[in-house]
Amino acid sequence: MFDRNMGNLDRIIRLVLAVVIVIFAIFLELYPLMIVSVLLLFTVATSFCGIYKLFGLSTCKTDLEEKK
């Protein structure tokens, strides 16, 4: 369904950001920020970023790059 365009480091950074945003949203009672963290978690789970696709970017290593 989605082509992978996110590498592991990018996914880890987004996961950490999602957790930090959830903590801030709960303690500061800014619950609409939870939407941002859900979007980040979706991109982490699918390894797909629509914005990357729009601009033709990819942080995911291809099979040829991994063999070097």
C-alpha atoms as a PDB file:
ATOM      1  CA  MET A   1       0.000   0.000   0.000  1.00  0.00           C
ATOM      2  CA  PHE A   2       2.717   2.463   1.008  1.00  0.00           C
ATOM      3  CA  ASP A   3       6.277   2.490  -0.280  1.00  0.00           C
ATOM      4  CA  ARG A   4       8.873   2.702   2.491  1.00  0.00           C
ATOM      5  CA  ASN A   5      10.645   6.056   2.437  1.00  0.00           C
ATOM      6  CA  MET A   6      11.811   6.388   6.056  1.00  0.00           C
ATOM      7  CA  GLY A   7      14.989   4.950   7.526  1.00  0.00           C
ATOM      8  CA  ASN A   8      15.399   3.551  11.027  1.00  0.00           C
ATOM      9  CA  LEU A   9      16.997   6.689  12.487  1.00  0.00           C
ATOM     10  CA  ASP A  10      14.127   8.802  11.157  1.00  0.00           C
ATOM     11  CA  ARG A  11      11.608   6.410  12.707  1.00  0.00           C
ATOM     12  CA  ILE A  12      13.361   6.489  16.103  1.00  0.00           C
ATOM     13  CA  ILE A  13      13.428  10.287  16.118  1.00  0.00           C
ATOM     14  CA  ARG A  14       9.722  10.453  15.267  1.00  0.00           C
ATOM     15  CA  LEU A  15       8.891   7.923  17.982  1.00  0.00           C
ATOM     16  CA  VAL A  16      10.761   9.931  20.617  1.00  0.00           C
ATOM     17  CA  LEU A  17       9.057  13.146  19.442  1.00  0.00           C
ATOM     18  CA  ALA A  18       5.650  11.466  19.637  1.00  0.00           C
ATOM     19  CA  VAL A  19       6.264  10.363  23.234  1.00  0.00           C
ATOM     20  CA  VAL A  20       7.505  13.840  24.234  1.00  0.00           C
ATOM     21  CA  ILE A  21       4.466  15.477  22.620  1.00  0.00           C
ATOM     22  CA  VAL A  22       2.108  13.116  24.463  1.00  0.00           C
ATOM     23  CA  ILE A  23       3.771  13.951  27.781  1.00  0.00           C
ATOM     24  CA  PHE A  24       3.508  17.702  27.119  1.00  0.00           C
ATOM     25  CA  ALA A  25      -0.090  17.363  25.946  1.00  0.00           C
ATOM     26  CA  ILE A  26      -1.103  15.531  29.110  1.00  0.00           C
ATOM     27  CA  PHE A  27       0.711  17.757  31.604  1.00  0.00           C
ATOM     28  CA  LEU A  28      -0.150  21.061  29.903  1.00  0.00           C
ATOM     29  CA  GLU A  29      -3.674  19.919  29.006  1.00  0.00           C
ATOM     30  CA  LEU A  30      -3.128  20.672  25.329  1.00  0.00           C
ATOM     31  CA  TYR A  31      -5.010  17.642  24.065  1.00  0.00           C
ATOM     32  CA  PRO A  32      -5.184  18.742  20.391  1.00  0.00           C
ATOM     33  CA  LEU A  33      -1.420  18.079  20.294  1.00  0.00           C
ATOM     34  CA  MET A  34      -2.288  14.402  20.559  1.00  0.00           C
ATOM     35  CA  ILE A  35      -3.284  14.545  16.880  1.00  0.00           C
ATOM     36  CA  VAL A  36       0.307  15.391  15.965  1.00  0.00           C
ATOM     37  CA  SER A  37       1.623  12.467  17.994  1.00  0.00           C
ATOM     38  CA  VAL A  38      -0.882  10.084  16.380  1.00  0.00           C
ATOM     39  CA  LEU A  39       0.302  11.213  12.930  1.00  0.00           C
ATOM     40  CA  LEU A  40       3.925  10.686  13.962  1.00  0.00           C
ATOM     41  CA  LEU A  41       3.122   7.215  15.306  1.00  0.00           C
ATOM     42  CA  PHE A  42       1.342   6.354  12.043  1.00  0.00           C
ATOM     43  CA  THR A  43       4.428   7.315  10.041  1.00  0.00           C
ATOM     44  CA  VAL A  44       6.604   5.257  12.403  1.00  0.00           C
ATOM     45  CA  ALA A  45       4.375   2.197  12.065  1.00  0.00           C
ATOM     46  CA  THR A  46       4.153   2.370   8.263  1.00  0.00           C
ATOM     47  CA  SER A  47       7.663   3.718   7.507  1.00  0.00           C
ATOM     48  CA  PHE A  48       5.953   6.080   5.082  1.00  0.00           C
ATOM     49  CA  CYS A  49       5.894   9.880   5.122  1.00  0.00           C
ATOM     50  CA  GLY A  50       3.543  11.626   2.717  1.00  0.00           C
ATOM     51  CA  ILE A  51       5.577  14.835   2.810  1.00  0.00           C
ATOM     52  CA  TYR A  52       8.714  12.914   1.812  1.00  0.00           C
ATOM     53  CA  LYS A  53       6.754  11.353  -1.064  1.00  0.00           C
ATOM     54  CA  LEU A  54       5.513  14.784  -2.169  1.00  0.00           C
ATOM     55  CA  PHE A  55       9.076  16.108  -2.425  1.00  0.00           C
ATOM     56  CA  GLY A  56      10.611  12.860  -3.694  1.00  0.00           C
ATOM     57  CA  LEU A  57      12.753  12.327  -0.587  1.00  0.00           C
ATOM     58  CA  SER A  58      13.724   9.084   1.095  1.00  0.00           C
ATOM     59  CA  THR A  59      15.831   8.278   4.156  1.00  0.00           C
ATOM     60  CA  CYS A  60      15.359   4.552   3.665  1.00  0.00           C
ATOM     61  CA  LYS A  61      18.397   2.600   2.524  1.00  0.00           C
ATOM     62  CA  THR A  62      17.889   0.522  -0.604  1.00  0.00           C
ATOM     63  CA  ASP A  63      19.101  -3.071  -0.887  1.00  0.00           C
ATOM     64  CA  LEU A  64      22.075  -1.966  -3.007  1.00  0.00           C
ATOM     65  CA  GLU A  65      23.205   0.593  -0.435  1.00  0.00           C
ATOM     66  CA  GLU A  66      23.011  -1.961   2.402  1.00  0.00           C
ATOM     67  CA  LYS A  67      25.277  -4.437   0.566  1.00  0.00           C
ATOM     68  CA  LYS A  68      28.173  -1.964   0.276  1.00  0.00           C
END
